[in-house]
Amino acid sequence: MNTYANRWYVVPEVWLMLFLLSSAVVGSLLLVATAVRHGDALPSPVPHAVASPLPPSTAVRPSDDATP
């Protein structure tokens, strides 16, 4: 029996696969930990504000008299 064929740890590609798989697992766990640590609140002074790409339906005039 060929004992060299049974030594999987000699092949460099096996170490590359193990490294890539372990880094993907660690990266996904770090992403989950970061998502759990941060809240879902919007940083807005308006309560119950909903983020929207559309402009507001009514334009608000500035309170400063110097602006036209």
PDB file of N, CA and C in Angstrom:
ATOM      1  N   MET A   1       0.841  -1.175   0.000  1.00  0.00           N
ATOM      2  CA  MET A   1       0.000   0.000   0.000  1.00  0.00           C
ATOM      3  C   MET A   1       0.887   1.239   0.000  1.00  0.00           C
ATOM      4  N   ASN A   2       0.482   2.223  -0.749  1.00  0.00           N
ATOM      5  CA  ASN A   2       1.263   3.448  -0.855  1.00  0.00           C
ATOM      6  C   ASN A   2       0.940   4.356   0.334  1.00  0.00           C
ATOM      7  N   THR A   3       1.879   4.538   1.217  1.00  0.00           N
ATOM      8  CA  THR A   3       1.634   5.357   2.410  1.00  0.00           C
ATOM      9  C   THR A   3       1.697   6.846   2.089  1.00  0.00           C
ATOM     10  N   TYR A   4       2.337   7.224   0.984  1.00  0.00           N
ATOM     11  CA  TYR A   4       2.416   8.648   0.619  1.00  0.00           C
ATOM     12  C   TYR A   4       1.048   9.168   0.173  1.00  0.00           C
ATOM     13  N   ALA A   5       0.220   8.329  -0.421  1.00  0.00           N
ATOM     14  CA  ALA A   5      -1.102   8.750  -0.880  1.00  0.00           C
ATOM     15  C   ALA A   5      -2.060   8.970   0.285  1.00  0.00           C
ATOM     16  N   ASN A   6      -1.800   8.382   1.423  1.00  0.00           N
ATOM     17  CA  ASN A   6      -2.689   8.527   2.566  1.00  0.00           C
ATOM     18  C   ASN A   6      -2.378   9.766   3.402  1.00  0.00           C
ATOM     19  N   ARG A   7      -1.307  10.453   3.089  1.00  0.00           N
ATOM     20  CA  ARG A   7      -0.959  11.655   3.858  1.00  0.00           C
ATOM     21  C   ARG A   7      -1.582  12.880   3.182  1.00  0.00           C
ATOM     22  N   TRP A   8      -2.783  13.228   3.595  1.00  0.00           N
ATOM     23  CA  TRP A   8      -3.508  14.336   2.995  1.00  0.00           C
ATOM     24  C   TRP A   8      -2.890  15.678   3.346  1.00  0.00           C
ATOM     25  N   TYR A   9      -2.215  15.767   4.458  1.00  0.00           N
ATOM     26  CA  TYR A   9      -1.675  17.038   4.931  1.00  0.00           C
ATOM     27  C   TYR A   9      -0.437  17.474   4.157  1.00  0.00           C
ATOM     28  N   VAL A  10       0.042  16.664   3.246  1.00  0.00           N
ATOM     29  CA  VAL A  10       1.195  17.039   2.436  1.00  0.00           C
ATOM     30  C   VAL A  10       0.765  17.917   1.265  1.00  0.00           C
ATOM     31  N   VAL A  11      -0.471  17.792   0.831  1.00  0.00           N
ATOM     32  CA  VAL A  11      -0.955  18.519  -0.345  1.00  0.00           C
ATOM     33  C   VAL A  11      -1.265  19.963   0.057  1.00  0.00           C
ATOM     34  N   PRO A  12      -0.650  20.967  -0.599  1.00  0.00           N
ATOM     35  CA  PRO A  12      -0.877  22.372  -0.216  1.00  0.00           C
ATOM     36  C   PRO A  12      -2.306  22.848  -0.479  1.00  0.00           C
ATOM     37  N   GLU A  13      -2.964  22.281  -1.482  1.00  0.00           N
ATOM     38  CA  GLU A  13      -4.322  22.716  -1.780  1.00  0.00           C
ATOM     39  C   GLU A  13      -5.290  22.367  -0.656  1.00  0.00           C
ATOM     40  N   VAL A  14      -5.018  21.325   0.078  1.00  0.00           N
ATOM     41  CA  VAL A  14      -5.868  20.964   1.210  1.00  0.00           C
ATOM     42  C   VAL A  14      -5.786  22.049   2.279  1.00  0.00           C
ATOM     43  N   TRP A  15      -4.595  22.552   2.524  1.00  0.00           N
ATOM     44  CA  TRP A  15      -4.432  23.623   3.507  1.00  0.00           C
ATOM     45  C   TRP A  15      -5.107  24.902   3.023  1.00  0.00           C
ATOM     46  N   LEU A  16      -5.048  25.154   1.717  1.00  0.00           N
ATOM     47  CA  LEU A  16      -5.742  26.320   1.172  1.00  0.00           C
ATOM     48  C   LEU A  16      -7.251  26.191   1.357  1.00  0.00           C
ATOM     49  N   MET A  17      -7.799  25.018   1.081  1.00  0.00           N
ATOM     50  CA  MET A  17      -9.236  24.816   1.282  1.00  0.00           C
ATOM     51  C   MET A  17      -9.628  24.960   2.740  1.00  0.00           C
ATOM     52  N   LEU A  18      -8.823  24.404   3.639  1.00  0.00           N
ATOM     53  CA  LEU A  18      -9.119  24.535   5.063  1.00  0.00           C
ATOM     54  C   LEU A  18      -9.045  25.991   5.513  1.00  0.00           C
ATOM     55  N   PHE A  19      -8.067  26.721   5.015  1.00  0.00           N
ATOM     56  CA  PHE A  19      -7.939  28.131   5.378  1.00  0.00           C
ATOM     57  C   PHE A  19      -9.116  28.949   4.863  1.00  0.00           C
ATOM     58  N   LEU A  20      -9.499  28.733   3.606  1.00  0.00           N
ATOM     59  CA  LEU A  20     -10.612  29.498   3.043  1.00  0.00           C
ATOM     60  C   LEU A  20     -11.934  29.159   3.726  1.00  0.00           C
ATOM     61  N   LEU A  21     -12.143  27.900   4.021  1.00  0.00           N
ATOM     62  CA  LEU A  21     -13.364  27.506   4.707  1.00  0.00           C
ATOM     63  C   LEU A  21     -13.423  28.077   6.121  1.00  0.00           C
ATOM     64  N   SER A  22     -12.324  28.001   6.835  1.00  0.00           N
ATOM     65  CA  SER A  22     -12.320  28.536   8.204  1.00  0.00           C
ATOM     66  C   SER A  22     -12.433  30.051   8.219  1.00  0.00           C
ATOM     67  N   SER A  23     -11.827  30.742   7.249  1.00  0.00           N
ATOM     68  CA  SER A  23     -11.960  32.196   7.220  1.00  0.00           C
ATOM     69  C   SER A  23     -13.378  32.610   6.857  1.00  0.00           C
ATOM     70  N   ALA A  24     -14.071  31.841   6.029  1.00  0.00           N
ATOM     71  CA  ALA A  24     -15.467  32.145   5.715  1.00  0.00           C
ATOM     72  C   ALA A  24     -16.358  31.941   6.936  1.00  0.00           C
ATOM     73  N   VAL A  25     -16.094  30.902   7.697  1.00  0.00           N
ATOM     74  CA  VAL A  25     -16.883  30.650   8.916  1.00  0.00           C
ATOM     75  C   VAL A  25     -16.650  31.750   9.939  1.00  0.00           C
ATOM     76  N   VAL A  26     -15.382  32.117  10.141  1.00  0.00           N
ATOM     77  CA  VAL A  26     -15.070  33.177  11.106  1.00  0.00           C
ATOM     78  C   VAL A  26     -15.652  34.511  10.650  1.00  0.00           C
ATOM     79  N   GLY A  27     -15.565  34.812   9.362  1.00  0.00           N
ATOM     80  CA  GLY A  27     -16.120  36.064   8.845  1.00  0.00           C
ATOM     81  C   GLY A  27     -17.624  36.141   8.993  1.00  0.00           C
ATOM     82  N   SER A  28     -18.313  35.046   8.750  1.00  0.00           N
ATOM     83  CA  SER A  28     -19.764  35.074   8.907  1.00  0.00           C
ATOM     84  C   SER A  28     -20.172  35.198  10.374  1.00  0.00           C
ATOM     85  N   LEU A  29     -19.428  34.572  11.266  1.00  0.00           N
ATOM     86  CA  LEU A  29     -19.730  34.720  12.693  1.00  0.00           C
ATOM     87  C   LEU A  29     -19.469  36.150  13.171  1.00  0.00           C
ATOM     88  N   LEU A  30     -18.412  36.769  12.671  1.00  0.00           N
ATOM     89  CA  LEU A  30     -18.156  38.168  13.022  1.00  0.00           C
ATOM     90  C   LEU A  30     -19.234  39.088  12.463  1.00  0.00           C
ATOM     91  N   LEU A  31     -19.730  38.788  11.272  1.00  0.00           N
ATOM     92  CA  LEU A  31     -20.805  39.590  10.695  1.00  0.00           C
ATOM     93  C   LEU A  31     -22.085  39.467  11.513  1.00  0.00           C
ATOM     94  N   VAL A  32     -22.393  38.281  11.966  1.00  0.00           N
ATOM     95  CA  VAL A  32     -23.579  38.078  12.810  1.00  0.00           C
ATOM     96  C   VAL A  32     -23.399  38.796  14.146  1.00  0.00           C
ATOM     97  N   ALA A  33     -22.209  38.720  14.729  1.00  0.00           N
ATOM     98  CA  ALA A  33     -21.963  39.396  16.010  1.00  0.00           C
ATOM     99  C   ALA A  33     -22.073  40.909  15.859  1.00  0.00           C
ATOM    100  N   THR A  34     -21.608  41.446  14.752  1.00  0.00           N
ATOM    101  CA  THR A  34     -21.724  42.884  14.518  1.00  0.00           C
ATOM    102  C   THR A  34     -23.172  43.292  14.307  1.00  0.00           C
ATOM    103  N   ALA A  35     -23.941  42.485  13.589  1.00  0.00           N
ATOM    104  CA  ALA A  35     -25.347  42.807  13.344  1.00  0.00           C
ATOM    105  C   ALA A  35     -26.160  42.739  14.625  1.00  0.00           C
ATOM    106  N   VAL A  36     -25.841  41.803  15.502  1.00  0.00           N
ATOM    107  CA  VAL A  36     -26.581  41.685  16.757  1.00  0.00           C
ATOM    108  C   VAL A  36     -26.245  42.843  17.684  1.00  0.00           C
ATOM    109  N   ARG A  37     -25.001  43.291  17.655  1.00  0.00           N
ATOM    110  CA  ARG A  37     -24.574  44.355  18.552  1.00  0.00           C
ATOM    111  C   ARG A  37     -25.184  45.706  18.195  1.00  0.00           C
ATOM    112  N   HIS A  38     -25.423  45.951  16.911  1.00  0.00           N
ATOM    113  CA  HIS A  38     -25.974  47.235  16.481  1.00  0.00           C
ATOM    114  C   HIS A  38     -27.491  47.129  16.376  1.00  0.00           C
ATOM    115  N   GLY A  39     -28.159  48.205  16.767  1.00  0.00           N
ATOM    116  CA  GLY A  39     -29.612  48.226  16.718  1.00  0.00           C
ATOM    117  C   GLY A  39     -30.118  48.572  15.332  1.00  0.00           C
ATOM    118  N   ASP A  40     -31.431  48.510  15.172  1.00  0.00           N
ATOM    119  CA  ASP A  40     -32.052  48.808  13.899  1.00  0.00           C
ATOM    120  C   ASP A  40     -32.665  50.205  13.858  1.00  0.00           C
ATOM    121  N   ALA A  41     -32.422  51.029  14.840  1.00  0.00           N
ATOM    122  CA  ALA A  41     -33.042  52.346  14.906  1.00  0.00           C
ATOM    123  C   ALA A  41     -32.460  53.269  13.843  1.00  0.00           C
ATOM    124  N   LEU A  42     -33.337  54.102  13.282  1.00  0.00           N
ATOM    125  CA  LEU A  42     -32.882  55.086  12.309  1.00  0.00           C
ATOM    126  C   LEU A  42     -32.312  56.289  13.036  1.00  0.00           C
ATOM    127  N   PRO A  43     -31.187  56.817  12.588  1.00  0.00           N
ATOM    128  CA  PRO A  43     -30.642  58.024  13.220  1.00  0.00           C
ATOM    129  C   PRO A  43     -31.372  59.262  12.719  1.00  0.00           C
ATOM    130  N   SER A  44     -32.575  59.481  13.186  1.00  0.00           N
ATOM    131  CA  SER A  44     -33.402  60.589  12.734  1.00  0.00           C
ATOM    132  C   SER A  44     -34.047  61.261  13.937  1.00  0.00           C
ATOM    133  N   PRO A  45     -34.132  62.594  13.918  1.00  0.00           N
ATOM    134  CA  PRO A  45     -34.789  63.275  15.041  1.00  0.00           C
ATOM    135  C   PRO A  45     -36.305  63.110  15.015  1.00  0.00           C
ATOM    136  N   VAL A  46     -36.872  62.707  13.903  1.00  0.00           N
ATOM    137  CA  VAL A  46     -38.314  62.547  13.784  1.00  0.00           C
ATOM    138  C   VAL A  46     -38.699  61.155  14.272  1.00  0.00           C
ATOM    139  N   PRO A  47     -39.604  61.054  15.225  1.00  0.00           N
ATOM    140  CA  PRO A  47     -40.007  59.722  15.677  1.00  0.00           C
ATOM    141  C   PRO A  47     -40.783  58.988  14.592  1.00  0.00           C
ATOM    142  N   HIS A  48     -40.579  57.710  14.504  1.00  0.00           N
ATOM    143  CA  HIS A  48     -41.237  56.828  13.541  1.00  0.00           C
ATOM    144  C   HIS A  48     -40.953  57.244  12.096  1.00  0.00           C
ATOM    145  N   ALA A  49     -39.736  57.752  11.854  1.00  0.00           N
ATOM    146  CA  ALA A  49     -39.372  58.158  10.503  1.00  0.00           C
ATOM    147  C   ALA A  49     -39.056  56.919   9.663  1.00  0.00           C
ATOM    148  N   VAL A  50     -39.425  56.981   8.403  1.00  0.00           N
ATOM    149  CA  VAL A  50     -39.167  55.893   7.474  1.00  0.00           C
ATOM    150  C   VAL A  50     -38.221  56.412   6.406  1.00  0.00           C
ATOM    151  N   ALA A  51     -37.135  55.734   6.188  1.00  0.00           N
ATOM    152  CA  ALA A  51     -36.185  56.150   5.170  1.00  0.00           C
ATOM    153  C   ALA A  51     -36.805  55.967   3.794  1.00  0.00           C
ATOM    154  N   SER A  52     -36.700  56.992   2.965  1.00  0.00           N
ATOM    155  CA  SER A  52     -37.281  56.944   1.636  1.00  0.00           C
ATOM    156  C   SER A  52     -36.387  57.708   0.674  1.00  0.00           C
ATOM    157  N   PRO A  53     -36.229  57.220  -0.547  1.00  0.00           N
ATOM    158  CA  PRO A  53     -35.438  57.967  -1.527  1.00  0.00           C
ATOM    159  C   PRO A  53     -36.223  59.123  -2.147  1.00  0.00           C
ATOM    160  N   LEU A  54     -37.520  59.202  -1.876  1.00  0.00           N
ATOM    161  CA  LEU A  54     -38.347  60.257  -2.452  1.00  0.00           C
ATOM    162  C   LEU A  54     -38.279  61.516  -1.602  1.00  0.00           C
ATOM    163  N   PRO A  55     -38.409  62.688  -2.232  1.00  0.00           N
ATOM    164  CA  PRO A  55     -38.443  63.924  -1.441  1.00  0.00           C
ATOM    165  C   PRO A  55     -39.757  64.029  -0.675  1.00  0.00           C
ATOM    166  N   PRO A  56     -39.804  64.900   0.327  1.00  0.00           N
ATOM    167  CA  PRO A  56     -41.060  65.056   1.074  1.00  0.00           C
ATOM    168  C   PRO A  56     -42.173  65.585   0.166  1.00  0.00           C
ATOM    169  N   SER A  57     -43.404  65.243   0.485  1.00  0.00           N
ATOM    170  CA  SER A  57     -44.520  65.617  -0.383  1.00  0.00           C
ATOM    171  C   SER A  57     -44.795  67.119  -0.338  1.00  0.00           C
ATOM    172  N   THR A  58     -44.543  67.773   0.778  1.00  0.00           N
ATOM    173  CA  THR A  58     -44.732  69.223   0.866  1.00  0.00           C
ATOM    174  C   THR A  58     -43.406  69.858   1.246  1.00  0.00           C
ATOM    175  N   ALA A  59     -43.077  70.915   0.525  1.00  0.00           N
ATOM    176  CA  ALA A  59     -41.825  71.612   0.803  1.00  0.00           C
ATOM    177  C   ALA A  59     -42.018  72.519   2.013  1.00  0.00           C
ATOM    178  N   VAL A  60     -41.073  72.495   2.905  1.00  0.00           N
ATOM    179  CA  VAL A  60     -41.133  73.319   4.112  1.00  0.00           C
ATOM    180  C   VAL A  60     -40.316  74.577   3.862  1.00  0.00           C
ATOM    181  N   ARG A  61     -40.941  75.718   4.105  1.00  0.00           N
ATOM    182  CA  ARG A  61     -40.238  76.998   3.917  1.00  0.00           C
ATOM    183  C   ARG A  61     -39.238  77.175   5.055  1.00  0.00           C
ATOM    184  N   PRO A  62     -38.058  77.718   4.750  1.00  0.00           N
ATOM    185  CA  PRO A  62     -37.104  77.978   5.831  1.00  0.00           C
ATOM    186  C   PRO A  62     -37.622  79.074   6.754  1.00  0.00           C
ATOM    187  N   SER A  63     -37.272  78.975   8.000  1.00  0.00           N
ATOM    188  CA  SER A  63     -37.760  79.946   8.991  1.00  0.00           C
ATOM    189  C   SER A  63     -36.910  81.204   8.988  1.00  0.00           C
ATOM    190  N   ASP A  64     -35.810  81.211   8.277  1.00  0.00           N
ATOM    191  CA  ASP A  64     -34.937  82.374   8.234  1.00  0.00           C
ATOM    192  C   ASP A  64     -35.492  83.371   7.213  1.00  0.00           C
ATOM    193  N   ASP A  65     -35.587  84.645   7.619  1.00  0.00           N
ATOM    194  CA  ASP A  65     -36.131  85.671   6.707  1.00  0.00           C
ATOM    195  C   ASP A  65     -35.113  86.084   5.643  1.00  0.00           C
ATOM    196  N   ALA A  66     -33.849  85.799   5.861  1.00  0.00           N
ATOM    197  CA  ALA A  66     -32.829  86.224   4.911  1.00  0.00           C
ATOM    198  C   ALA A  66     -32.810  85.333   3.660  1.00  0.00           C
ATOM    199  N   THR A  67     -33.359  84.173   3.748  1.00  0.00           N
ATOM    200  CA  THR A  67     -33.364  83.301   2.575  1.00  0.00           C
ATOM    201  C   THR A  67     -34.546  83.648   1.692  1.00  0.00           C
ATOM    202  N   PRO A  68     -34.390  83.592   0.388  1.00  0.00           N
ATOM    203  CA  PRO A  68     -35.503  83.953  -0.519  1.00  0.00           C
ATOM    204  C   PRO A  68     -36.583  82.912  -0.557  1.00  0.00           C
TER     205      PRO A  68
END
